[in-house]
């Protein structure tokens, strides 16, 4: 849990931004109202969440931020929409236009994106496993190695580092949780 939310952010969140949806380059284009996830999944982007890093009163186009339910009980309900994307999609901007600085044009971006809490009792033993368990569950490795640059943070600070892998398939994976007693 916690930073494991980056999996949703990268695997799904960017695809819900009008920047790609309005151009038809997102796998979620045209799927509003369709079942795209498990019934257990409700995903939210909340630019109004108090004391959170991505919060603001207004977005970078002057639209008030708000709590946007993107997926509700597995059904796609909304996209992250800036003014330009909204014109292209015939939708209202919903407070999701952001940019790093005035050097950049504002565009649809996530703020505080998360999967809403479910009903599973988190004190029960979950089969979260370890990195070793994940390695044992890789059942396919592709031939398309790609390297990427990033930053790696630790007690000694952030340092530049590369990561890489080809496409892999993991037969089963639990994201978040702990084994009982840990």
N, C-alpha and C. Protein backbone atom coordinates (compact mmCIF):
# COMPACT_ATOMS: atom_id res chain seq x y z
N UNK A 1 0.84 -1.19 0.00
CA UNK A 1 0.00 0.00 0.00
C UNK A 1 0.88 1.24 0.00
N UNK A 2 0.29 2.41 -0.06
CA UNK A 2 1.06 3.64 -0.12
C UNK A 2 1.67 3.82 -1.48
N UNK A 3 3.01 3.82 -1.53
CA UNK A 3 3.69 4.11 -2.79
C UNK A 3 3.41 3.06 -3.87
N UNK A 4 2.85 1.91 -3.49
CA UNK A 4 2.43 0.93 -4.49
C UNK A 4 1.40 1.52 -5.45
N UNK A 5 0.78 2.63 -5.06
CA UNK A 5 -0.17 3.32 -5.93
C UNK A 5 0.45 3.82 -7.21
N UNK A 6 1.79 3.85 -7.27
CA UNK A 6 2.44 4.27 -8.51
C UNK A 6 2.13 3.29 -9.64
N UNK A 7 1.80 2.05 -9.30
CA UNK A 7 1.42 1.08 -10.33
C UNK A 7 0.15 1.55 -11.03
N UNK A 8 -0.87 1.96 -10.26
CA UNK A 8 -2.09 2.48 -10.88
C UNK A 8 -1.78 3.77 -11.64
N UNK A 9 -1.00 4.65 -11.02
CA UNK A 9 -0.64 5.93 -11.63
C UNK A 9 -0.06 5.73 -13.03
N UNK A 10 0.91 4.84 -13.13
CA UNK A 10 1.59 4.62 -14.42
C UNK A 10 0.79 3.74 -15.38
N UNK A 11 0.22 2.66 -14.86
CA UNK A 11 -0.44 1.68 -15.73
C UNK A 11 -1.81 2.14 -16.21
N UNK A 12 -2.46 3.00 -15.47
CA UNK A 12 -3.83 3.38 -15.81
C UNK A 12 -4.03 4.89 -15.84
N UNK A 13 -3.55 5.59 -14.84
CA UNK A 13 -3.81 7.02 -14.69
C UNK A 13 -3.48 7.86 -15.90
N UNK A 14 -2.28 7.69 -16.46
CA UNK A 14 -1.89 8.49 -17.63
C UNK A 14 -2.83 8.23 -18.81
N UNK A 15 -3.33 7.04 -18.93
CA UNK A 15 -4.26 6.71 -20.01
C UNK A 15 -5.62 7.36 -19.84
N UNK A 16 -5.91 7.90 -18.66
CA UNK A 16 -7.19 8.58 -18.41
C UNK A 16 -7.08 10.09 -18.57
N UNK A 17 -5.89 10.57 -18.93
CA UNK A 17 -5.69 12.00 -19.14
C UNK A 17 -6.18 12.38 -20.54
N UNK A 18 -6.89 13.50 -20.64
CA UNK A 18 -7.44 13.96 -21.92
C UNK A 18 -6.35 14.16 -22.97
N UNK A 19 -5.14 14.39 -22.54
CA UNK A 19 -4.03 14.56 -23.47
C UNK A 19 -3.95 13.39 -24.46
N UNK A 20 -4.16 12.18 -23.97
CA UNK A 20 -4.13 11.02 -24.87
C UNK A 20 -5.53 10.57 -25.29
N UNK A 21 -6.51 10.69 -24.40
CA UNK A 21 -7.88 10.26 -24.72
C UNK A 21 -8.43 11.07 -25.89
N UNK A 22 -8.21 12.40 -25.87
CA UNK A 22 -8.78 13.27 -26.90
C UNK A 22 -8.17 13.02 -28.28
N UNK A 23 -6.99 12.44 -28.32
CA UNK A 23 -6.32 12.13 -29.59
C UNK A 23 -6.58 10.70 -30.03
N UNK A 24 -7.31 9.94 -29.21
CA UNK A 24 -7.60 8.55 -29.56
C UNK A 24 -6.42 7.61 -29.37
N UNK A 25 -5.41 8.04 -28.63
CA UNK A 25 -4.22 7.20 -28.43
C UNK A 25 -4.25 6.42 -27.12
N UNK A 26 -5.30 6.59 -26.32
CA UNK A 26 -5.43 5.88 -25.06
C UNK A 26 -6.27 4.63 -25.23
N UNK A 27 -5.94 3.58 -24.51
CA UNK A 27 -6.75 2.36 -24.54
C UNK A 27 -8.12 2.60 -23.92
N UNK A 28 -8.29 3.74 -23.21
CA UNK A 28 -9.56 4.06 -22.56
C UNK A 28 -10.45 4.97 -23.41
N UNK A 29 -9.97 5.39 -24.58
CA UNK A 29 -10.77 6.24 -25.46
C UNK A 29 -12.07 5.52 -25.83
N UNK A 30 -13.18 6.22 -25.67
CA UNK A 30 -14.49 5.68 -26.04
C UNK A 30 -15.05 4.63 -25.11
N UNK A 31 -14.47 4.46 -23.95
CA UNK A 31 -14.92 3.41 -23.03
C UNK A 31 -15.72 3.94 -21.83
N UNK A 32 -16.10 5.21 -21.86
CA UNK A 32 -16.89 5.79 -20.77
C UNK A 32 -18.15 4.96 -20.57
N UNK A 33 -18.41 4.59 -19.33
CA UNK A 33 -19.59 3.80 -18.99
C UNK A 33 -19.38 2.30 -19.12
N UNK A 34 -18.20 1.88 -19.60
CA UNK A 34 -17.92 0.45 -19.76
C UNK A 34 -17.19 -0.11 -18.55
N UNK A 35 -17.35 -1.38 -18.34
CA UNK A 35 -16.65 -2.11 -17.29
C UNK A 35 -15.20 -2.31 -17.75
N UNK A 36 -14.25 -1.70 -17.00
CA UNK A 36 -12.84 -1.81 -17.39
C UNK A 36 -11.98 -2.40 -16.28
N UNK A 37 -12.59 -2.66 -15.12
CA UNK A 37 -11.81 -3.16 -13.97
C UNK A 37 -12.71 -4.06 -13.13
N UNK A 38 -12.12 -4.66 -12.14
CA UNK A 38 -12.84 -5.47 -11.17
C UNK A 38 -13.90 -4.64 -10.46
N UNK A 39 -14.98 -5.27 -10.01
CA UNK A 39 -16.01 -4.58 -9.22
C UNK A 39 -15.43 -3.95 -7.96
N UNK A 40 -14.30 -4.43 -7.50
CA UNK A 40 -13.68 -3.94 -6.27
C UNK A 40 -12.95 -2.61 -6.46
N UNK A 41 -12.76 -2.20 -7.71
CA UNK A 41 -11.92 -1.03 -7.99
C UNK A 41 -12.75 0.24 -8.17
N UNK A 42 -12.49 1.21 -7.28
CA UNK A 42 -12.96 2.59 -7.44
C UNK A 42 -11.70 3.45 -7.39
N UNK A 43 -11.45 4.20 -8.45
CA UNK A 43 -10.24 5.02 -8.55
C UNK A 43 -10.62 6.49 -8.59
N UNK A 44 -9.88 7.28 -7.85
CA UNK A 44 -10.21 8.69 -7.64
C UNK A 44 -8.97 9.55 -7.88
N UNK A 45 -9.19 10.73 -8.45
CA UNK A 45 -8.16 11.76 -8.51
C UNK A 45 -8.74 12.97 -7.78
N UNK A 46 -8.13 13.36 -6.66
CA UNK A 46 -8.69 14.40 -5.81
C UNK A 46 -7.72 15.56 -5.62
N UNK A 47 -7.93 16.61 -6.39
CA UNK A 47 -7.09 17.81 -6.30
C UNK A 47 -7.40 18.66 -5.09
N UNK A 48 -8.44 18.28 -4.32
CA UNK A 48 -8.84 19.06 -3.14
C UNK A 48 -8.43 18.39 -1.83
N UNK A 49 -7.80 17.23 -1.88
CA UNK A 49 -7.44 16.49 -0.66
C UNK A 49 -6.55 17.36 0.23
N UNK A 50 -6.96 17.53 1.46
CA UNK A 50 -6.27 18.42 2.39
C UNK A 50 -4.85 17.95 2.70
N UNK A 51 -3.91 18.87 2.63
CA UNK A 51 -2.50 18.64 2.97
C UNK A 51 -1.83 17.56 2.14
N UNK A 52 -2.26 17.35 0.92
CA UNK A 52 -1.61 16.37 0.04
C UNK A 52 -0.77 17.10 -0.99
N UNK A 53 0.25 16.42 -1.49
CA UNK A 53 1.25 17.04 -2.34
C UNK A 53 0.67 17.58 -3.65
N UNK A 54 -0.33 16.92 -4.22
CA UNK A 54 -0.88 17.34 -5.51
C UNK A 54 -2.07 18.27 -5.41
N UNK A 55 -2.39 18.76 -4.21
CA UNK A 55 -3.59 19.59 -4.02
C UNK A 55 -3.36 21.05 -4.36
N UNK A 56 -4.43 21.69 -4.80
CA UNK A 56 -4.43 23.13 -5.08
C UNK A 56 -5.89 23.59 -5.07
N UNK A 57 -6.09 24.89 -4.95
CA UNK A 57 -7.46 25.43 -4.99
C UNK A 57 -7.97 25.48 -6.42
N UNK A 58 -7.07 25.89 -7.33
CA UNK A 58 -7.41 25.96 -8.75
C UNK A 58 -6.31 25.28 -9.55
N UNK A 59 -6.65 24.81 -10.75
CA UNK A 59 -5.61 24.21 -11.59
C UNK A 59 -4.88 25.30 -12.36
N UNK A 60 -3.98 24.93 -13.24
CA UNK A 60 -3.15 25.90 -13.95
C UNK A 60 -3.86 26.60 -15.11
N UNK A 61 -5.16 26.36 -15.26
CA UNK A 61 -5.97 27.12 -16.21
C UNK A 61 -7.04 27.94 -15.48
N UNK A 62 -7.01 27.93 -14.14
CA UNK A 62 -7.94 28.71 -13.35
C UNK A 62 -9.23 27.98 -13.00
N UNK A 63 -9.34 26.71 -13.35
CA UNK A 63 -10.53 25.92 -13.02
C UNK A 63 -10.39 25.39 -11.59
N UNK A 64 -11.44 25.52 -10.77
CA UNK A 64 -11.35 24.96 -9.41
C UNK A 64 -11.08 23.45 -9.46
N UNK A 65 -10.18 23.00 -8.59
CA UNK A 65 -9.92 21.56 -8.51
C UNK A 65 -11.10 20.89 -7.83
N UNK A 66 -11.19 19.57 -8.00
CA UNK A 66 -12.28 18.82 -7.38
C UNK A 66 -11.90 17.35 -7.26
N UNK A 67 -12.76 16.64 -6.59
CA UNK A 67 -12.59 15.19 -6.44
C UNK A 67 -13.29 14.54 -7.64
N UNK A 68 -12.51 13.89 -8.50
CA UNK A 68 -13.04 13.24 -9.69
C UNK A 68 -13.02 11.73 -9.51
N UNK A 69 -14.18 11.11 -9.57
CA UNK A 69 -14.25 9.64 -9.55
C UNK A 69 -14.02 9.18 -10.98
N UNK A 70 -12.91 8.51 -11.20
CA UNK A 70 -12.53 8.06 -12.54
C UNK A 70 -13.15 6.71 -12.87
N UNK A 71 -13.02 5.78 -11.95
CA UNK A 71 -13.57 4.43 -12.09
C UNK A 71 -14.38 4.15 -10.84
N UNK A 72 -15.62 3.68 -11.00
CA UNK A 72 -16.45 3.38 -9.85
C UNK A 72 -16.97 1.95 -9.96
N UNK A 73 -16.60 1.13 -8.98
CA UNK A 73 -16.98 -0.29 -8.99
C UNK A 73 -16.66 -0.94 -10.33
N UNK A 74 -15.50 -0.58 -10.88
CA UNK A 74 -15.02 -1.18 -12.11
C UNK A 74 -15.47 -0.51 -13.39
N UNK A 75 -16.36 0.48 -13.31
CA UNK A 75 -16.91 1.14 -14.50
C UNK A 75 -16.24 2.49 -14.71
N UNK A 76 -15.77 2.78 -15.93
CA UNK A 76 -15.14 4.05 -16.25
C UNK A 76 -16.19 5.16 -16.21
N UNK A 77 -16.00 6.13 -15.32
CA UNK A 77 -16.96 7.21 -15.11
C UNK A 77 -16.49 8.56 -15.61
N UNK A 78 -15.17 8.78 -15.68
CA UNK A 78 -14.67 10.12 -16.01
C UNK A 78 -13.23 10.05 -16.49
N UNK A 79 -12.81 11.10 -17.14
CA UNK A 79 -11.43 11.29 -17.55
C UNK A 79 -10.88 12.52 -16.82
N UNK A 80 -9.58 12.71 -16.87
CA UNK A 80 -8.93 13.91 -16.35
C UNK A 80 -8.91 14.91 -17.51
N UNK A 81 -9.66 16.01 -17.39
CA UNK A 81 -9.92 16.87 -18.55
C UNK A 81 -9.45 18.30 -18.31
N UNK A 82 -8.57 18.78 -19.20
CA UNK A 82 -8.17 20.18 -19.24
C UNK A 82 -9.04 20.89 -20.28
N UNK A 83 -8.87 22.19 -20.46
CA UNK A 83 -9.75 22.94 -21.37
C UNK A 83 -9.59 22.51 -22.83
N UNK A 84 -8.36 22.34 -23.32
CA UNK A 84 -8.16 21.92 -24.70
C UNK A 84 -8.71 20.52 -24.94
N UNK A 85 -8.39 19.60 -24.06
CA UNK A 85 -8.92 18.25 -24.17
C UNK A 85 -10.44 18.24 -24.10
N UNK A 86 -10.98 19.10 -23.24
CA UNK A 86 -12.43 19.22 -23.11
C UNK A 86 -13.09 19.66 -24.41
N UNK A 87 -12.47 20.62 -25.09
CA UNK A 87 -13.02 21.07 -26.38
C UNK A 87 -12.98 19.93 -27.40
N UNK A 88 -11.89 19.20 -27.41
CA UNK A 88 -11.75 18.08 -28.36
C UNK A 88 -12.76 16.97 -28.07
N UNK A 89 -13.07 16.77 -26.79
CA UNK A 89 -13.92 15.65 -26.38
C UNK A 89 -15.36 16.05 -26.09
N UNK A 90 -15.66 17.35 -26.21
CA UNK A 90 -16.97 17.88 -25.86
C UNK A 90 -17.31 17.55 -24.40
N UNK A 91 -16.34 17.82 -23.52
CA UNK A 91 -16.50 17.60 -22.09
C UNK A 91 -16.05 18.85 -21.34
N UNK A 92 -16.56 19.01 -20.14
CA UNK A 92 -16.19 20.12 -19.29
C UNK A 92 -14.84 19.85 -18.62
N UNK A 93 -13.99 20.90 -18.56
CA UNK A 93 -12.73 20.77 -17.81
C UNK A 93 -13.07 20.52 -16.35
N UNK A 94 -12.30 19.62 -15.71
CA UNK A 94 -12.64 19.24 -14.33
C UNK A 94 -11.52 19.48 -13.32
N UNK A 95 -10.74 20.54 -13.54
CA UNK A 95 -9.75 20.94 -12.55
C UNK A 95 -8.47 20.13 -12.57
N UNK A 96 -8.13 19.57 -13.72
CA UNK A 96 -6.98 18.67 -13.81
C UNK A 96 -5.85 19.20 -14.70
N UNK A 97 -5.84 20.48 -14.97
CA UNK A 97 -4.79 21.03 -15.82
C UNK A 97 -3.60 21.45 -14.96
N UNK A 98 -2.43 20.89 -15.26
CA UNK A 98 -1.25 21.15 -14.44
C UNK A 98 -0.02 21.32 -15.31
N UNK A 99 1.03 21.87 -14.73
CA UNK A 99 2.33 22.00 -15.38
C UNK A 99 3.39 22.22 -14.32
N UNK A 100 4.63 21.93 -14.67
CA UNK A 100 5.74 22.09 -13.73
C UNK A 100 6.01 23.56 -13.45
N UNK A 101 6.01 24.38 -14.52
CA UNK A 101 6.30 25.81 -14.38
C UNK A 101 5.72 26.53 -15.59
N UNK A 102 5.88 27.84 -15.62
CA UNK A 102 5.37 28.62 -16.75
C UNK A 102 6.13 28.34 -18.04
N UNK A 103 7.20 27.62 -17.97
CA UNK A 103 7.95 27.21 -19.16
C UNK A 103 7.11 26.25 -20.01
N UNK A 104 6.15 25.56 -19.41
CA UNK A 104 5.35 24.54 -20.08
C UNK A 104 3.90 24.97 -20.25
N UNK A 105 3.26 24.48 -21.30
CA UNK A 105 1.82 24.66 -21.47
C UNK A 105 1.09 23.75 -20.50
N UNK A 106 0.00 24.20 -19.89
CA UNK A 106 -0.75 23.31 -19.01
C UNK A 106 -1.47 22.22 -19.82
N UNK A 107 -1.61 21.06 -19.22
CA UNK A 107 -2.31 19.95 -19.84
C UNK A 107 -2.91 19.07 -18.76
N UNK A 108 -3.75 18.12 -19.14
CA UNK A 108 -4.40 17.26 -18.15
C UNK A 108 -3.37 16.39 -17.46
N UNK A 109 -3.42 16.40 -16.13
CA UNK A 109 -2.47 15.64 -15.31
C UNK A 109 -3.16 15.19 -14.03
N UNK A 110 -2.61 14.17 -13.41
CA UNK A 110 -3.11 13.68 -12.13
C UNK A 110 -2.65 14.59 -10.99
N UNK A 111 -3.38 14.54 -9.87
CA UNK A 111 -2.99 15.30 -8.68
C UNK A 111 -2.73 14.34 -7.53
N UNK A 112 -3.77 13.90 -6.87
CA UNK A 112 -3.69 12.90 -5.79
C UNK A 112 -4.56 11.73 -6.25
N UNK A 113 -3.96 10.77 -6.89
CA UNK A 113 -4.69 9.68 -7.51
C UNK A 113 -4.53 8.42 -6.68
N UNK A 114 -5.65 7.74 -6.42
CA UNK A 114 -5.59 6.56 -5.55
C UNK A 114 -6.77 5.63 -5.84
N UNK A 115 -6.60 4.40 -5.40
CA UNK A 115 -7.68 3.43 -5.41
C UNK A 115 -8.34 3.53 -4.04
N UNK A 116 -9.66 3.71 -4.03
CA UNK A 116 -10.40 3.87 -2.78
C UNK A 116 -10.30 2.59 -1.93
N UNK A 117 -10.36 2.75 -0.61
CA UNK A 117 -10.31 1.57 0.27
C UNK A 117 -11.46 0.60 -0.03
N UNK A 118 -11.17 -0.67 0.09
CA UNK A 118 -12.18 -1.71 -0.12
C UNK A 118 -12.68 -2.25 1.20
N UNK A 119 -13.22 -3.46 1.18
CA UNK A 119 -13.79 -4.07 2.38
C UNK A 119 -12.89 -5.12 3.02
N UNK A 120 -11.84 -5.55 2.34
CA UNK A 120 -10.98 -6.60 2.87
C UNK A 120 -10.29 -6.12 4.14
N UNK A 121 -10.32 -6.94 5.15
CA UNK A 121 -9.72 -6.62 6.43
C UNK A 121 -8.21 -6.77 6.31
N UNK A 122 -7.48 -5.68 6.45
CA UNK A 122 -6.04 -5.69 6.20
C UNK A 122 -5.22 -6.35 7.28
N UNK A 123 -5.82 -6.76 8.38
CA UNK A 123 -5.07 -7.48 9.40
C UNK A 123 -5.03 -8.98 9.12
N UNK A 124 -5.85 -9.44 8.16
CA UNK A 124 -5.80 -10.85 7.78
C UNK A 124 -4.48 -11.12 7.08
N UNK A 125 -3.97 -12.33 7.15
CA UNK A 125 -2.73 -12.62 6.42
C UNK A 125 -2.98 -12.58 4.91
N UNK A 126 -2.25 -11.73 4.20
CA UNK A 126 -2.32 -11.61 2.75
C UNK A 126 -1.08 -12.30 2.18
N UNK A 127 -1.18 -12.92 1.06
CA UNK A 127 -0.02 -13.59 0.43
C UNK A 127 0.79 -12.60 -0.37
N UNK A 128 1.37 -11.61 0.31
CA UNK A 128 2.12 -10.57 -0.38
C UNK A 128 3.46 -11.10 -0.89
N UNK A 129 4.09 -11.95 -0.13
CA UNK A 129 5.34 -12.54 -0.57
C UNK A 129 6.49 -11.56 -0.56
N UNK A 130 7.54 -11.92 -1.26
CA UNK A 130 8.76 -11.14 -1.34
C UNK A 130 9.18 -11.00 -2.79
N UNK A 131 10.22 -10.24 -2.99
CA UNK A 131 10.78 -10.12 -4.34
C UNK A 131 11.17 -11.47 -4.90
N UNK A 132 11.67 -12.35 -4.05
CA UNK A 132 12.03 -13.70 -4.47
C UNK A 132 10.80 -14.46 -4.98
N UNK A 133 9.68 -14.30 -4.27
CA UNK A 133 8.44 -14.96 -4.70
C UNK A 133 8.01 -14.46 -6.08
N UNK A 134 8.12 -13.13 -6.30
CA UNK A 134 7.75 -12.57 -7.61
C UNK A 134 8.64 -13.14 -8.70
N UNK A 135 9.93 -13.20 -8.44
CA UNK A 135 10.86 -13.75 -9.44
C UNK A 135 10.49 -15.18 -9.82
N UNK A 136 10.03 -15.95 -8.85
CA UNK A 136 9.66 -17.34 -9.11
C UNK A 136 8.36 -17.45 -9.91
N UNK A 137 7.55 -16.38 -9.92
CA UNK A 137 6.27 -16.41 -10.63
C UNK A 137 6.34 -15.78 -12.02
N UNK A 138 7.54 -15.39 -12.47
CA UNK A 138 7.69 -14.89 -13.84
C UNK A 138 7.60 -16.10 -14.76
N UNK A 139 6.59 -16.08 -15.64
CA UNK A 139 6.42 -17.24 -16.53
C UNK A 139 6.67 -16.91 -18.01
N UNK A 140 6.97 -15.66 -18.33
CA UNK A 140 7.37 -15.28 -19.69
C UNK A 140 8.32 -14.09 -19.60
N UNK A 141 9.36 -14.09 -20.44
CA UNK A 141 10.28 -12.97 -20.54
C UNK A 141 10.42 -12.63 -22.02
N UNK A 142 10.09 -11.39 -22.37
CA UNK A 142 10.13 -10.96 -23.77
C UNK A 142 11.53 -10.69 -24.26
N UNK A 143 11.62 -10.36 -25.54
CA UNK A 143 12.92 -10.10 -26.17
C UNK A 143 13.12 -8.61 -26.43
N UNK A 144 12.44 -7.76 -25.68
CA UNK A 144 12.44 -6.32 -25.96
C UNK A 144 13.01 -5.50 -24.80
N UNK A 145 14.24 -5.77 -24.41
CA UNK A 145 14.88 -5.05 -23.32
C UNK A 145 14.85 -3.55 -23.58
N UNK A 146 14.49 -2.79 -22.55
CA UNK A 146 14.51 -1.34 -22.62
C UNK A 146 15.06 -0.81 -21.31
N UNK A 147 15.93 0.18 -21.41
CA UNK A 147 16.51 0.80 -20.23
C UNK A 147 15.85 2.16 -20.02
N UNK A 148 15.78 2.59 -18.77
CA UNK A 148 15.21 3.89 -18.46
C UNK A 148 16.00 4.56 -17.36
N UNK A 149 16.07 5.89 -17.44
CA UNK A 149 16.78 6.65 -16.43
C UNK A 149 15.81 7.13 -15.36
N UNK A 150 16.33 7.22 -14.15
CA UNK A 150 15.52 7.71 -13.05
C UNK A 150 16.39 8.09 -11.88
N UNK A 151 15.76 8.29 -10.77
CA UNK A 151 16.46 8.62 -9.55
C UNK A 151 16.17 7.53 -8.53
N UNK A 152 17.18 7.16 -7.77
CA UNK A 152 17.03 6.17 -6.72
C UNK A 152 17.33 6.85 -5.39
N UNK A 153 16.34 6.83 -4.50
CA UNK A 153 16.52 7.48 -3.21
C UNK A 153 16.78 6.48 -2.09
N UNK A 154 17.62 6.86 -1.18
CA UNK A 154 17.94 6.04 -0.01
C UNK A 154 18.43 6.96 1.09
N UNK A 155 18.96 6.38 2.16
CA UNK A 155 19.45 7.20 3.27
C UNK A 155 20.59 8.11 2.86
N UNK A 156 21.27 7.80 1.75
CA UNK A 156 22.37 8.63 1.28
C UNK A 156 21.93 9.66 0.25
N UNK A 157 20.62 9.82 0.07
CA UNK A 157 20.11 10.81 -0.88
C UNK A 157 19.68 10.17 -2.19
N UNK A 158 19.34 11.01 -3.15
CA UNK A 158 18.91 10.54 -4.47
C UNK A 158 20.09 10.56 -5.43
N UNK A 159 20.24 9.48 -6.17
CA UNK A 159 21.32 9.37 -7.14
C UNK A 159 20.74 8.95 -8.48
N UNK A 160 21.36 9.35 -9.60
CA UNK A 160 20.89 8.90 -10.90
C UNK A 160 21.15 7.40 -11.05
N UNK A 161 20.19 6.70 -11.61
CA UNK A 161 20.33 5.26 -11.81
C UNK A 161 19.52 4.83 -13.02
N UNK A 162 19.97 3.80 -13.69
CA UNK A 162 19.21 3.19 -14.79
C UNK A 162 18.50 1.95 -14.27
N UNK A 163 17.36 1.67 -14.85
CA UNK A 163 16.67 0.40 -14.62
C UNK A 163 16.30 -0.15 -15.98
N UNK A 164 16.05 -1.42 -16.05
CA UNK A 164 15.65 -1.98 -17.33
C UNK A 164 15.17 -3.40 -17.21
N UNK A 165 14.35 -3.77 -18.14
CA UNK A 165 13.90 -5.15 -18.27
C UNK A 165 13.15 -5.26 -19.58
N UNK A 166 13.09 -6.46 -20.12
CA UNK A 166 12.16 -6.67 -21.23
C UNK A 166 10.76 -6.84 -20.64
N UNK A 167 9.77 -6.97 -21.48
CA UNK A 167 8.43 -7.25 -20.99
C UNK A 167 8.46 -8.59 -20.27
N UNK A 168 7.83 -8.64 -19.09
CA UNK A 168 7.75 -9.89 -18.34
C UNK A 168 6.30 -10.13 -17.94
N UNK A 169 5.94 -11.37 -17.73
CA UNK A 169 4.61 -11.71 -17.22
C UNK A 169 4.78 -12.42 -15.90
N UNK A 170 4.07 -11.93 -14.89
CA UNK A 170 4.06 -12.53 -13.57
C UNK A 170 2.72 -13.22 -13.42
N UNK A 171 2.73 -14.51 -13.12
CA UNK A 171 1.49 -15.30 -13.10
C UNK A 171 0.54 -14.88 -11.99
N UNK A 172 1.04 -14.36 -10.88
CA UNK A 172 0.19 -13.90 -9.77
C UNK A 172 0.97 -12.88 -8.97
N UNK A 173 0.26 -11.85 -8.49
CA UNK A 173 0.95 -10.79 -7.77
C UNK A 173 -0.04 -10.08 -6.86
N UNK A 174 0.34 -9.91 -5.59
CA UNK A 174 -0.44 -9.10 -4.67
C UNK A 174 0.32 -7.80 -4.48
N UNK A 175 -0.36 -6.67 -4.68
CA UNK A 175 0.28 -5.36 -4.49
C UNK A 175 -0.15 -4.83 -3.15
N UNK A 176 0.79 -4.66 -2.23
CA UNK A 176 0.50 -4.15 -0.89
C UNK A 176 0.21 -5.31 0.06
N UNK A 177 0.03 -4.95 1.31
CA UNK A 177 -0.26 -5.96 2.33
C UNK A 177 1.00 -6.54 2.95
N UNK A 178 0.81 -7.28 4.00
CA UNK A 178 1.93 -7.95 4.68
C UNK A 178 1.48 -9.31 5.16
N UNK A 179 2.44 -10.19 5.31
CA UNK A 179 2.15 -11.47 5.96
C UNK A 179 1.93 -11.23 7.44
N UNK A 180 1.11 -12.02 8.07
CA UNK A 180 0.84 -11.88 9.50
C UNK A 180 2.15 -11.94 10.28
N UNK A 181 2.29 -11.08 11.27
CA UNK A 181 3.47 -11.09 12.12
C UNK A 181 4.63 -10.27 11.60
N UNK A 182 4.50 -9.63 10.46
CA UNK A 182 5.60 -8.83 9.92
C UNK A 182 5.37 -7.36 10.17
